[in-house]
PDB file of N, CA and C in Angstrom:
ATOM      1  N   MET A   1     -20.349  41.238 155.080  1.00  0.00           N
ATOM      2  CA  MET A   1     -20.262  42.239 156.297  1.00  0.00           C
ATOM      3  C   MET A   1     -21.525  41.617 157.170  1.00  0.00           C
ATOM      4  N   LYS A   2     -21.262  41.511 158.384  1.00  0.00           N
ATOM      5  CA  LYS A   2     -22.371  41.005 159.470  1.00  0.00           C
ATOM      6  C   LYS A   2     -23.310  42.412 160.029  1.00  0.00           C
ATOM      7  N   LEU A   3     -24.844  42.336 159.625  1.00  0.00           N
ATOM      8  CA  LEU A   3     -25.328  43.711 159.962  1.00  0.00           C
ATOM      9  C   LEU A   3     -25.455  43.820 161.477  1.00  0.00           C
ATOM     10  N   LEU A   4     -25.570  42.529 162.209  1.00  0.00           N
ATOM     11  CA  LEU A   4     -25.400  43.340 163.749  1.00  0.00           C
ATOM     12  C   LEU A   4     -24.963  42.585 164.539  1.00  0.00           C
ATOM     13  N   THR A   5     -23.604  42.817 165.426  1.00  0.00           N
ATOM     14  CA  THR A   5     -22.790  41.967 165.795  1.00  0.00           C
ATOM     15  C   THR A   5     -23.564  42.148 167.157  1.00  0.00           C
ATOM     16  N   LYS A   6     -23.063  40.527 168.418  1.00  0.00           N
ATOM     17  CA  LYS A   6     -23.196  40.555 169.200  1.00  0.00           C
ATOM     18  C   LYS A   6     -23.270  41.481 170.219  1.00  0.00           C
ATOM     19  N   GLN A   7     -22.856  43.199 170.453  1.00  0.00           N
ATOM     20  CA  GLN A   7     -22.802  44.555 171.016  1.00  0.00           C
ATOM     21  C   GLN A   7     -23.925  45.631 170.591  1.00  0.00           C
ATOM     22  N   ILE A   8     -24.437  44.874 169.060  1.00  0.00           N
ATOM     23  CA  ILE A   8     -25.641  45.904 168.808  1.00  0.00           C
ATOM     24  C   ILE A   8     -26.260  45.040 169.454  1.00  0.00           C
ATOM     25  N   GLU A   9     -26.434  43.448 169.017  1.00  0.00           N
ATOM     26  CA  GLU A   9     -27.478  42.911 170.003  1.00  0.00           C
ATOM     27  C   GLU A   9     -27.710  43.105 171.518  1.00  0.00           C
ATOM     28  N   ASN A  10     -26.899  43.286 172.615  1.00  0.00           N
ATOM     29  CA  ASN A  10     -27.058  43.633 173.532  1.00  0.00           C
ATOM     30  C   ASN A  10     -27.801  45.034 173.623  1.00  0.00           C
ATOM     31  N   ARG A  11     -27.358  45.432 172.849  1.00  0.00           N
ATOM     32  CA  ARG A  11     -27.830  47.110 172.885  1.00  0.00           C
ATOM     33  C   ARG A  11     -29.078  47.360 172.359  1.00  0.00           C
ATOM     34  N   LEU A  12     -29.558  46.447 171.660  1.00  0.00           N
ATOM     35  CA  LEU A  12     -30.764  46.222 170.931  1.00  0.00           C
ATOM     36  C   LEU A  12     -31.603  45.785 172.358  1.00  0.00           C
ATOM     37  N   GLU A  13     -31.323  44.559 172.554  1.00  0.00           N
ATOM     38  CA  GLU A  13     -32.172  44.695 173.635  1.00  0.00           C
ATOM     39  C   GLU A  13     -32.283  45.550 175.440  1.00  0.00           C
ATOM     40  N   GLN A  14     -31.669  46.839 175.657  1.00  0.00           N
ATOM     41  CA  GLN A  14     -31.584  47.975 176.326  1.00  0.00           C
ATOM     42  C   GLN A  14     -32.377  48.434 175.670  1.00  0.00           C
ATOM     43  N   PHE A  15     -33.563  48.827 174.277  1.00  0.00           N
ATOM     44  CA  PHE A  15     -34.228  49.438 173.655  1.00  0.00           C
ATOM     45  C   PHE A  15     -35.426  48.479 172.822  1.00  0.00           C
ATOM     46  N   PRO A  16     -36.463  47.678 173.505  1.00  0.00           N
ATOM     47  CA  PRO A  16     -37.212  47.205 173.096  1.00  0.00           C
ATOM     48  C   PRO A  16     -38.038  47.357 172.103  1.00  0.00           C
ATOM     49  N   TYR A  17     -38.777  47.177 171.421  1.00  0.00           N
ATOM     50  CA  TYR A  17     -39.368  48.116 169.459  1.00  0.00           C
ATOM     51  C   TYR A  17     -40.387  48.738 170.791  1.00  0.00           C
ATOM     52  N   LYS A  18     -40.368  50.198 169.945  1.00  0.00           N
ATOM     53  CA  LYS A  18     -40.854  50.715 170.263  1.00  0.00           C
ATOM     54  C   LYS A  18     -40.669  51.747 171.856  1.00  0.00           C
ATOM     55  N   SER A  19     -39.567  51.546 172.356  1.00  0.00           N
ATOM     56  CA  SER A  19     -39.125  52.208 173.906  1.00  0.00           C
ATOM     57  C   SER A  19     -39.024  53.121 173.762  1.00  0.00           C
ATOM     58  N   GLN A  20     -38.569  53.662 172.974  1.00  0.00           N
ATOM     59  CA  GLN A  20     -38.493  55.729 172.168  1.00  0.00           C
ATOM     60  C   GLN A  20     -39.142  56.193 171.402  1.00  0.00           C
ATOM     61  N   ASP A  21     -40.278  55.458 171.503  1.00  0.00           N
ATOM     62  CA  ASP A  21     -41.838  55.938 170.391  1.00  0.00           C
ATOM     63  C   ASP A  21     -41.667  57.738 171.366  1.00  0.00           C
ATOM     64  N   SER A  22     -41.249  58.129 171.558  1.00  0.00           N
ATOM     65  CA  SER A  22     -42.473  59.848 172.570  1.00  0.00           C
ATOM     66  C   SER A  22     -40.846  60.224 172.534  1.00  0.00           C
ATOM     67  N   LYS A  23     -39.458  59.806 172.165  1.00  0.00           N
ATOM     68  CA  LYS A  23     -38.527  60.666 172.194  1.00  0.00           C
ATOM     69  C   LYS A  23     -38.281  60.861 170.446  1.00  0.00           C
ATOM     70  N   GLY A  24     -39.143  60.995 169.856  1.00  0.00           N
ATOM     71  CA  GLY A  24     -38.882  61.626 168.173  1.00  0.00           C
ATOM     72  C   GLY A  24     -37.424  61.283 167.613  1.00  0.00           C
ATOM     73  N   LEU A  25     -37.013  62.144 166.994  1.00  0.00           N
ATOM     74  CA  LEU A  25     -35.574  62.990 166.179  1.00  0.00           C
ATOM     75  C   LEU A  25     -34.943  62.860 167.408  1.00  0.00           C
ATOM     76  N   ASN A  26     -35.291  62.809 168.892  1.00  0.00           N
ATOM     77  CA  ASN A  26     -33.470  62.455 169.421  1.00  0.00           C
ATOM     78  C   ASN A  26     -33.495  61.341 170.322  1.00  0.00           C
ATOM     79  N   ALA A  27     -34.533  60.278 169.690  1.00  0.00           N
ATOM     80  CA  ALA A  27     -33.835  58.480 169.888  1.00  0.00           C
ATOM     81  C   ALA A  27     -32.752  58.712 169.521  1.00  0.00           C
ATOM     82  N   LYS A  28     -32.393  58.027 170.751  1.00  0.00           N
ATOM     83  CA  LYS A  28     -30.825  57.086 170.239  1.00  0.00           C
ATOM     84  C   LYS A  28     -30.892  56.065 168.645  1.00  0.00           C
ATOM     85  N   VAL A  29     -29.364  56.382 168.233  1.00  0.00           N
ATOM     86  CA  VAL A  29     -29.393  55.180 166.922  1.00  0.00           C
ATOM     87  C   VAL A  29     -28.613  54.279 167.413  1.00  0.00           C
ATOM     88  N   ILE A  30     -28.968  53.227 167.248  1.00  0.00           N
ATOM     89  CA  ILE A  30     -28.961  51.994 168.000  1.00  0.00           C
ATOM     90  C   ILE A  30     -27.299  51.596 167.268  1.00  0.00           C
ATOM     91  N   VAL A  31     -28.235  51.246 165.258  1.00  0.00           N
ATOM     92  CA  VAL A  31     -27.093  51.179 164.306  1.00  0.00           C
ATOM     93  C   VAL A  31     -27.915  51.760 163.005  1.00  0.00           C
ATOM     94  N   LYS A  32     -27.033  51.749 162.417  1.00  0.00           N
ATOM     95  CA  LYS A  32     -26.674  52.968 160.574  1.00  0.00           C
ATOM     96  C   LYS A  32     -26.745  51.868 160.261  1.00  0.00           C
ATOM     97  N   PHE A  33     -28.297  51.461 158.529  1.00  0.00           N
ATOM     98  CA  PHE A  33     -27.746  50.241 158.007  1.00  0.00           C
ATOM     99  C   PHE A  33     -27.952  51.389 156.305  1.00  0.00           C
ATOM    100  N   PHE A  34     -26.970  50.751 155.157  1.00  0.00           N
ATOM    101  CA  PHE A  34     -27.242  51.905 154.551  1.00  0.00           C
ATOM    102  C   PHE A  34     -26.835  51.398 152.900  1.00  0.00           C
ATOM    103  N   SER A  35     -27.481  51.467 152.151  1.00  0.00           N
ATOM    104  CA  SER A  35     -27.148  50.530 150.888  1.00  0.00           C
ATOM    105  C   SER A  35     -26.037  52.012 150.199  1.00  0.00           C
ATOM    106  N   PRO A  36     -24.955  51.035 149.656  1.00  0.00           N
ATOM    107  CA  PRO A  36     -23.685  51.649 148.812  1.00  0.00           C
ATOM    108  C   PRO A  36     -23.054  52.061 147.219  1.00  0.00           C
ATOM    109  N   VAL A  37     -24.590  51.734 147.065  1.00  0.00           N
ATOM    110  CA  VAL A  37     -25.379  52.667 145.280  1.00  0.00           C
ATOM    111  C   VAL A  37     -26.466  52.732 144.943  1.00  0.00           C
ATOM    112  N   GLY A  38     -26.892  53.623 146.148  1.00  0.00           N
ATOM    113  CA  GLY A  38     -28.125  54.351 145.922  1.00  0.00           C
ATOM    114  C   GLY A  38     -28.597  54.689 146.715  1.00  0.00           C
ATOM    115  N   ARG A  39     -29.546  55.177 147.553  1.00  0.00           N
ATOM    116  CA  ARG A  39     -31.180  54.612 148.123  1.00  0.00           C
ATOM    117  C   ARG A  39     -31.473  54.019 148.900  1.00  0.00           C
ATOM    118  N   GLY A  40     -31.014  54.302 149.781  1.00  0.00           N
ATOM    119  CA  GLY A  40     -32.402  53.076 151.146  1.00  0.00           C
ATOM    120  C   GLY A  40     -31.502  53.750 152.733  1.00  0.00           C
ATOM    121  N   THR A  41     -31.335  53.808 153.704  1.00  0.00           N
ATOM    122  CA  THR A  41     -30.917  54.702 154.840  1.00  0.00           C
ATOM    123  C   THR A  41     -31.980  53.925 156.022  1.00  0.00           C
ATOM    124  N   TRP A  42     -31.660  53.179 156.603  1.00  0.00           N
ATOM    125  CA  TRP A  42     -32.305  52.606 157.888  1.00  0.00           C
ATOM    126  C   TRP A  42     -31.452  53.467 159.303  1.00  0.00           C
ATOM    127  N   LEU A  43     -31.838  54.205 160.422  1.00  0.00           N
ATOM    128  CA  LEU A  43     -31.827  54.684 161.421  1.00  0.00           C
ATOM    129  C   LEU A  43     -32.118  53.836 162.351  1.00  0.00           C
ATOM    130  N   ILE A  44     -31.703  52.822 163.043  1.00  0.00           N
ATOM    131  CA  ILE A  44     -32.126  51.503 164.264  1.00  0.00           C
ATOM    132  C   ILE A  44     -32.576  52.029 165.233  1.00  0.00           C
ATOM    133  N   THR A  45     -33.413  52.435 165.878  1.00  0.00           N
ATOM    134  CA  THR A  45     -33.771  53.047 166.786  1.00  0.00           C
ATOM    135  C   THR A  45     -33.686  51.726 168.319  1.00  0.00           C
ATOM    136  N   GLU A  46     -34.465  50.634 167.566  1.00  0.00           N
ATOM    137  CA  GLU A  46     -35.008  50.079 168.923  1.00  0.00           C
ATOM    138  C   GLU A  46     -35.076  48.204 168.166  1.00  0.00           C
ATOM    139  N   GLY A  47     -35.673  47.018 168.860  1.00  0.00           N
ATOM    140  CA  GLY A  47     -35.870  46.118 168.057  1.00  0.00           C
ATOM    141  C   GLY A  47     -36.164  45.559 169.177  1.00  0.00           C
ATOM    142  N   ASP A  48     -36.287  44.297 168.507  1.00  0.00           N
ATOM    143  CA  ASP A  48     -36.743  42.684 169.307  1.00  0.00           C
ATOM    144  C   ASP A  48     -36.467  41.036 168.838  1.00  0.00           C
ATOM    145  N   LYS A  49     -35.831  40.902 169.376  1.00  0.00           N
ATOM    146  CA  LYS A  49     -35.053  39.070 168.889  1.00  0.00           C
ATOM    147  C   LYS A  49     -37.183  39.063 168.314  1.00  0.00           C
ATOM    148  N   LEU A  50     -37.206  37.874 167.454  1.00  0.00           N
ATOM    149  CA  LEU A  50     -38.356  36.858 167.616  1.00  0.00           C
ATOM    150  C   LEU A  50     -37.998  35.796 167.770  1.00  0.00           C
ATOM    151  N   ASP A  51     -38.971  34.764 168.235  1.00  0.00           N
ATOM    152  CA  ASP A  51     -38.519  33.402 168.480  1.00  0.00           C
ATOM    153  C   ASP A  51     -37.988  33.154 167.432  1.00  0.00           C
ATOM    154  N   ASP A  52     -37.776  33.095 166.116  1.00  0.00           N
ATOM    155  CA  ASP A  52     -37.746  32.958 165.296  1.00  0.00           C
ATOM    156  C   ASP A  52     -35.809  32.961 164.967  1.00  0.00           C
ATOM    157  N   GLY A  53     -35.605  33.897 165.616  1.00  0.00           N
ATOM    158  CA  GLY A  53     -34.032  34.198 165.473  1.00  0.00           C
ATOM    159  C   GLY A  53     -34.225  35.048 164.631  1.00  0.00           C
ATOM    160  N   ASP A  54     -35.119  35.319 164.069  1.00  0.00           N
ATOM    161  CA  ASP A  54     -35.423  37.269 163.593  1.00  0.00           C
ATOM    162  C   ASP A  54     -34.919  38.403 164.391  1.00  0.00           C
ATOM    163  N   TRP A  55     -34.897  39.710 164.164  1.00  0.00           N
ATOM    164  CA  TRP A  55     -34.999  40.967 164.967  1.00  0.00           C
ATOM    165  C   TRP A  55     -35.879  41.397 164.234  1.00  0.00           C
ATOM    166  N   LEU A  56     -36.930  42.200 164.304  1.00  0.00           N
ATOM    167  CA  LEU A  56     -37.550  43.337 164.749  1.00  0.00           C
ATOM    168  C   LEU A  56     -37.209  44.218 164.752  1.00  0.00           C
ATOM    169  N   LEU A  57     -36.920  44.908 163.676  1.00  0.00           N
ATOM    170  CA  LEU A  57     -35.848  46.529 164.053  1.00  0.00           C
ATOM    171  C   LEU A  57     -37.121  47.815 163.866  1.00  0.00           C
ATOM    172  N   PHE A  58     -37.219  48.544 164.365  1.00  0.00           N
ATOM    173  CA  PHE A  58     -37.758  49.463 163.612  1.00  0.00           C
ATOM    174  C   PHE A  58     -36.853  51.204 164.176  1.00  0.00           C
ATOM    175  N   GLY A  59     -36.985  51.943 163.191  1.00  0.00           N
ATOM    176  CA  GLY A  59     -36.133  53.407 163.504  1.00  0.00           C
ATOM    177  C   GLY A  59     -36.573  54.167 162.222  1.00  0.00           C
ATOM    178  N   TYR A  60     -36.120  55.649 162.283  1.00  0.00           N
ATOM    179  CA  TYR A  60     -36.888  56.288 161.114  1.00  0.00           C
ATOM    180  C   TYR A  60     -35.604  55.966 159.454  1.00  0.00           C
ATOM    181  N   CYS A  61     -36.487  55.368 158.509  1.00  0.00           N
ATOM    182  CA  CYS A  61     -35.616  55.121 157.041  1.00  0.00           C
ATOM    183  C   CYS A  61     -36.182  56.147 156.607  1.00  0.00           C
ATOM    184  N   ASN A  62     -34.996  55.890 154.801  1.00  0.00           N
ATOM    185  CA  ASN A  62     -35.314  56.114 153.857  1.00  0.00           C
ATOM    186  C   ASN A  62     -35.142  55.234 153.114  1.00  0.00           C
ATOM    187  N   ILE A  63     -35.774  54.924 151.878  1.00  0.00           N
ATOM    188  CA  ILE A  63     -35.964  54.841 150.630  1.00  0.00           C
ATOM    189  C   ILE A  63     -36.208  56.028 149.813  1.00  0.00           C
ATOM    190  N   PHE A  64     -37.177  56.292 149.646  1.00  0.00           N
ATOM    191  CA  PHE A  64     -38.037  57.786 149.569  1.00  0.00           C
ATOM    192  C   PHE A  64     -38.237  59.451 149.797  1.00  0.00           C
ATOM    193  N   GLU A  65     -38.591  58.793 150.846  1.00  0.00           N
ATOM    194  CA  GLU A  65     -39.055  59.733 151.706  1.00  0.00           C
ATOM    195  C   GLU A  65     -38.659  59.463 153.218  1.00  0.00           C
ATOM    196  N   TRP A  66     -38.126  60.530 153.951  1.00  0.00           N
ATOM    197  CA  TRP A  66     -37.476  59.884 156.212  1.00  0.00           C
ATOM    198  C   TRP A  66     -39.125  59.494 156.022  1.00  0.00           C
ATOM    199  N   GLU A  67     -39.882  58.631 156.996  1.00  0.00           N
ATOM    200  CA  GLU A  67     -41.037  58.036 157.258  1.00  0.00           C
ATOM    201  C   GLU A  67     -40.309  57.214 159.136  1.00  0.00           C
ATOM    202  N   TRP A  68     -40.601  56.832 159.840  1.00  0.00           N
ATOM    203  CA  TRP A  68     -40.582  55.642 160.519  1.00  0.00           C
ATOM    204  C   TRP A  68     -41.544  54.578 160.186  1.00  0.00           C
ATOM    205  N   GLY A  69     -40.467  53.695 160.474  1.00  0.00           N
ATOM    206  CA  GLY A  69     -41.257  52.262 160.510  1.00  0.00           C
ATOM    207  C   GLY A  69     -40.436  51.166 160.869  1.00  0.00           C
ATOM    208  N   SER A  70     -40.757  49.711 160.130  1.00  0.00           N
ATOM    209  CA  SER A  70     -40.115  48.668 160.224  1.00  0.00           C
ATOM    210  C   SER A  70     -39.919  47.769 159.389  1.00  0.00           C
ATOM    211  N   VAL A  71     -38.713  47.157 159.931  1.00  0.00           N
ATOM    212  CA  VAL A  71     -38.078  46.090 158.683  1.00  0.00           C
ATOM    213  C   VAL A  71     -37.425  45.379 159.736  1.00  0.00           C
ATOM    214  N   LEU A  72     -37.630  44.203 158.575  1.00  0.00           N
ATOM    215  CA  LEU A  72     -36.949  43.104 159.621  1.00  0.00           C
ATOM    216  C   LEU A  72     -35.770  42.889 159.059  1.00  0.00           C
ATOM    217  N   LEU A  73     -35.006  41.982 160.161  1.00  0.00           N
ATOM    218  CA  LEU A  73     -32.971  41.690 159.547  1.00  0.00           C
ATOM    219  C   LEU A  73     -32.937  41.019 158.254  1.00  0.00           C
ATOM    220  N   SER A  74     -33.707  40.308 158.355  1.00  0.00           N
ATOM    221  CA  SER A  74     -33.701  39.285 157.275  1.00  0.00           C
ATOM    222  C   SER A  74     -34.788  40.113 155.927  1.00  0.00           C
ATOM    223  N   GLU A  75     -34.964  41.059 155.820  1.00  0.00           N
ATOM    224  CA  GLU A  75     -35.195  41.367 155.268  1.00  0.00           C
ATOM    225  C   GLU A  75     -34.052  42.456 154.187  1.00  0.00           C
ATOM    226  N   LEU A  76     -33.692  42.833 155.098  1.00  0.00           N
ATOM    227  CA  LEU A  76     -32.416  44.234 155.140  1.00  0.00           C
ATOM    228  C   LEU A  76     -30.623  42.530 154.543  1.00  0.00           C
ATOM    229  N   GLU A  77     -31.469  41.431 154.717  1.00  0.00           N
ATOM    230  CA  GLU A  77     -29.768  40.938 155.231  1.00  0.00           C
ATOM    231  C   GLU A  77     -30.120  39.724 153.305  1.00  0.00           C
ATOM    232  N   SER A  78     -31.890  39.939 152.787  1.00  0.00           N
ATOM    233  CA  SER A  78     -31.575  39.549 151.425  1.00  0.00           C
ATOM    234  C   SER A  78     -31.782  40.207 149.960  1.00  0.00           C
ATOM    235  N   ILE A  79     -31.367  42.113 151.011  1.00  0.00           N
ATOM    236  CA  ILE A  79     -31.531  42.693 149.274  1.00  0.00           C
ATOM    237  C   ILE A  79     -30.014  42.293 148.724  1.00  0.00           C
ATOM    238  N   LYS A  80     -30.435  42.301 147.497  1.00  0.00           N
ATOM    239  CA  LYS A  80     -29.535  42.531 146.527  1.00  0.00           C
ATOM    240  C   LYS A  80     -28.561  43.387 145.986  1.00  0.00           C
ATOM    241  N   LEU A  81     -28.016  44.061 145.777  1.00  0.00           N
ATOM    242  CA  LEU A  81     -27.587  45.258 145.114  1.00  0.00           C
ATOM    243  C   LEU A  81     -26.327  45.333 143.826  1.00  0.00           C
ATOM    244  N   PRO A  82     -26.680  45.800 142.619  1.00  0.00           N
ATOM    245  CA  PRO A  82     -25.870  45.597 142.055  1.00  0.00           C
ATOM    246  C   PRO A  82     -23.895  45.274 142.644  1.00  0.00           C
ATOM    247  N   LEU A  83     -23.306  45.233 140.958  1.00  0.00           N
ATOM    248  CA  LEU A  83     -22.093  44.543 141.406  1.00  0.00           C
ATOM    249  C   LEU A  83     -21.703  43.224 142.351  1.00  0.00           C
ATOM    250  N   GLY A  84     -22.959  42.550 142.935  1.00  0.00           N
ATOM    251  CA  GLY A  84     -23.092  41.518 143.631  1.00  0.00           C
ATOM    252  C   GLY A  84     -22.956  42.504 145.458  1.00  0.00           C
ATOM    253  N   LEU A  85     -23.322  43.516 145.667  1.00  0.00           N
ATOM    254  CA  LEU A  85     -23.807  44.232 146.734  1.00  0.00           C
ATOM    255  C   LEU A  85     -24.374  43.759 147.338  1.00  0.00           C
ATOM    256  N   SER A  86     -24.582  44.409 148.852  1.00  0.00           N
ATOM    257  CA  SER A  86     -25.410  44.460 149.348  1.00  0.00           C
ATOM    258  C   SER A  86     -25.664  45.797 150.708  1.00  0.00           C
ATOM    259  N   ILE A  87     -26.118  45.287 151.499  1.00  0.00           N
ATOM    260  CA  ILE A  87     -26.088  46.496 152.672  1.00  0.00           C
ATOM    261  C   ILE A  87     -25.573  46.528 153.358  1.00  0.00           C
ATOM    262  N   GLU A  88     -24.805  47.748 154.067  1.00  0.00           N
ATOM    263  CA  GLU A  88     -23.738  47.247 154.792  1.00  0.00           C
ATOM    264  C   GLU A  88     -24.320  48.217 156.649  1.00  0.00           C
ATOM    265  N   ARG A  89     -23.068  48.326 157.623  1.00  0.00           N
ATOM    266  CA  ARG A  89     -23.146  48.650 158.498  1.00  0.00           C
ATOM    267  C   ARG A  89     -22.203  49.996 158.886  1.00  0.00           C
ATOM    268  N   ASP A  90     -22.776  50.753 158.261  1.00  0.00           N
ATOM    269  CA  ASP A  90     -22.165  52.006 159.177  1.00  0.00           C
ATOM    270  C   ASP A  90     -21.007  52.014 160.746  1.00  0.00           C
ATOM    271  N   LEU A  91     -19.894  51.673 160.313  1.00  0.00           N
ATOM    272  CA  LEU A  91     -19.008  51.354 161.241  1.00  0.00           C
ATOM    273  C   LEU A  91     -19.179  52.675 161.970  1.00  0.00           C
ATOM    274  N   HIS A  92     -18.890  53.814 161.819  1.00  0.00           N
ATOM    275  CA  HIS A  92     -18.782  55.561 162.448  1.00  0.00           C
ATOM    276  C   HIS A  92     -19.123  56.023 163.069  1.00  0.00           C
ATOM    277  N   ILE A  93     -20.694  55.258 163.743  1.00  0.00           N
ATOM    278  CA  ILE A  93     -21.643  56.692 164.070  1.00  0.00           C
ATOM    279  C   ILE A  93     -20.881  56.682 165.812  1.00  0.00           C
ATOM    280  N   SER A  94     -21.904  57.574 166.244  1.00  0.00           N
ATOM    281  CA  SER A  94     -21.086  57.506 168.462  1.00  0.00           C
ATOM    282  C   SER A  94     -22.214  56.207 168.315  1.00  0.00           C
ATOM    283  N   SER A  95     -22.040  56.436 170.080  1.00  0.00           N
ATOM    284  CA  SER A  95     -22.872  55.429 170.602  1.00  0.00           C
ATOM    285  C   SER A  95     -23.711  56.514 170.811  1.00  0.00           C
ATOM    286  N   ASP A  96     -24.198  57.742 171.341  1.00  0.00           N
ATOM    287  CA  ASP A  96     -24.596  58.188 171.713  1.00  0.00           C
ATOM    288  C   ASP A  96     -25.326  58.938 170.598  1.00  0.00           C
ATOM    289  N   ALA A  97     -25.079  58.596 169.017  1.00  0.00           N
ATOM    290  CA  ALA A  97     -25.666  59.839 168.477  1.00  0.00           C
ATOM    291  C   ALA A  97     -27.283  59.115 167.887  1.00  0.00           C
ATOM    292  N   THR A  98     -27.958  60.573 167.437  1.00  0.00           N
ATOM    293  CA  THR A  98     -29.352  60.639 167.299  1.00  0.00           C
ATOM    294  C   THR A  98     -30.207  60.814 166.428  1.00  0.00           C
ATOM    295  N   VAL A  99     -31.404  60.382 165.933  1.00  0.00           N
ATOM    296  CA  VAL A  99     -31.696  60.730 164.620  1.00  0.00           C
ATOM    297  C   VAL A  99     -31.231  61.953 164.208  1.00  0.00           C
ATOM    298  N   LYS A 100     -31.971  62.607 164.851  1.00  0.00           N
ATOM    299  CA  LYS A 100     -31.251  64.702 164.387  1.00  0.00           C
ATOM    300  C   LYS A 100     -30.028  64.280 163.490  1.00  0.00           C
ATOM    301  N   GLU A 101     -29.382  64.363 165.254  1.00  0.00           N
ATOM    302  CA  GLU A 101     -27.827  64.319 164.551  1.00  0.00           C
ATOM    303  C   GLU A 101     -27.045  63.857 163.086  1.00  0.00           C
ATOM    304  N   LEU A 102     -27.613  62.394 163.080  1.00  0.00           N
ATOM    305  CA  LEU A 102     -27.493  61.408 161.394  1.00  0.00           C
ATOM    306  C   LEU A 102     -28.620  62.251 161.088  1.00  0.00           C
ATOM    307  N   CYS A 103     -29.286  62.367 160.699  1.00  0.00           N
ATOM    308  CA  CYS A 103     -30.239  62.668 159.365  1.00  0.00           C
ATOM    309  C   CYS A 103     -29.833  64.551 159.042  1.00  0.00           C
ATOM    310  N   ARG A 104     -28.747  64.927 159.445  1.00  0.00           N
ATOM    311  CA  ARG A 104     -28.301  66.489 159.770  1.00  0.00           C
ATOM    312  C   ARG A 104     -27.378  66.064 158.032  1.00  0.00           C
ATOM    313  N   GLY A 105     -26.783  65.660 158.221  1.00  0.00           N
ATOM    314  CA  GLY A 105     -25.892  65.112 156.713  1.00  0.00           C
ATOM    315  C   GLY A 105     -26.085  64.031 156.090  1.00  0.00           C
ATOM    316  N   LEU A 106     -26.983  63.572 156.226  1.00  0.00           N
ATOM    317  CA  LEU A 106     -27.246  63.061 154.811  1.00  0.00           C
ATOM    318  C   LEU A 106     -28.741  63.800 153.555  1.00  0.00           C
TER     319      LEU A 106
END
């Protein structure tokens, strides 16, 4: 699965890195990534395209506990999971979803 589509890239361009910093849990989630076989959820709220074509993403992430942090798109794409699986993109979140709303069910 392609983690970033052109539509998601266009939305990220509207929310550059740290642009929603003051919103906290009320920040809009641009894209949600997750591990289909265990720990790992990334609620991406902002991002900048780097000169090398990679994306520096920022959001509310959970590996062992929830915390705000950064991740490169290339890092997410390089994660190899059991059974030949990889990190996936949630296809069913609302374009108006906030971090607070998406953390309720997790």
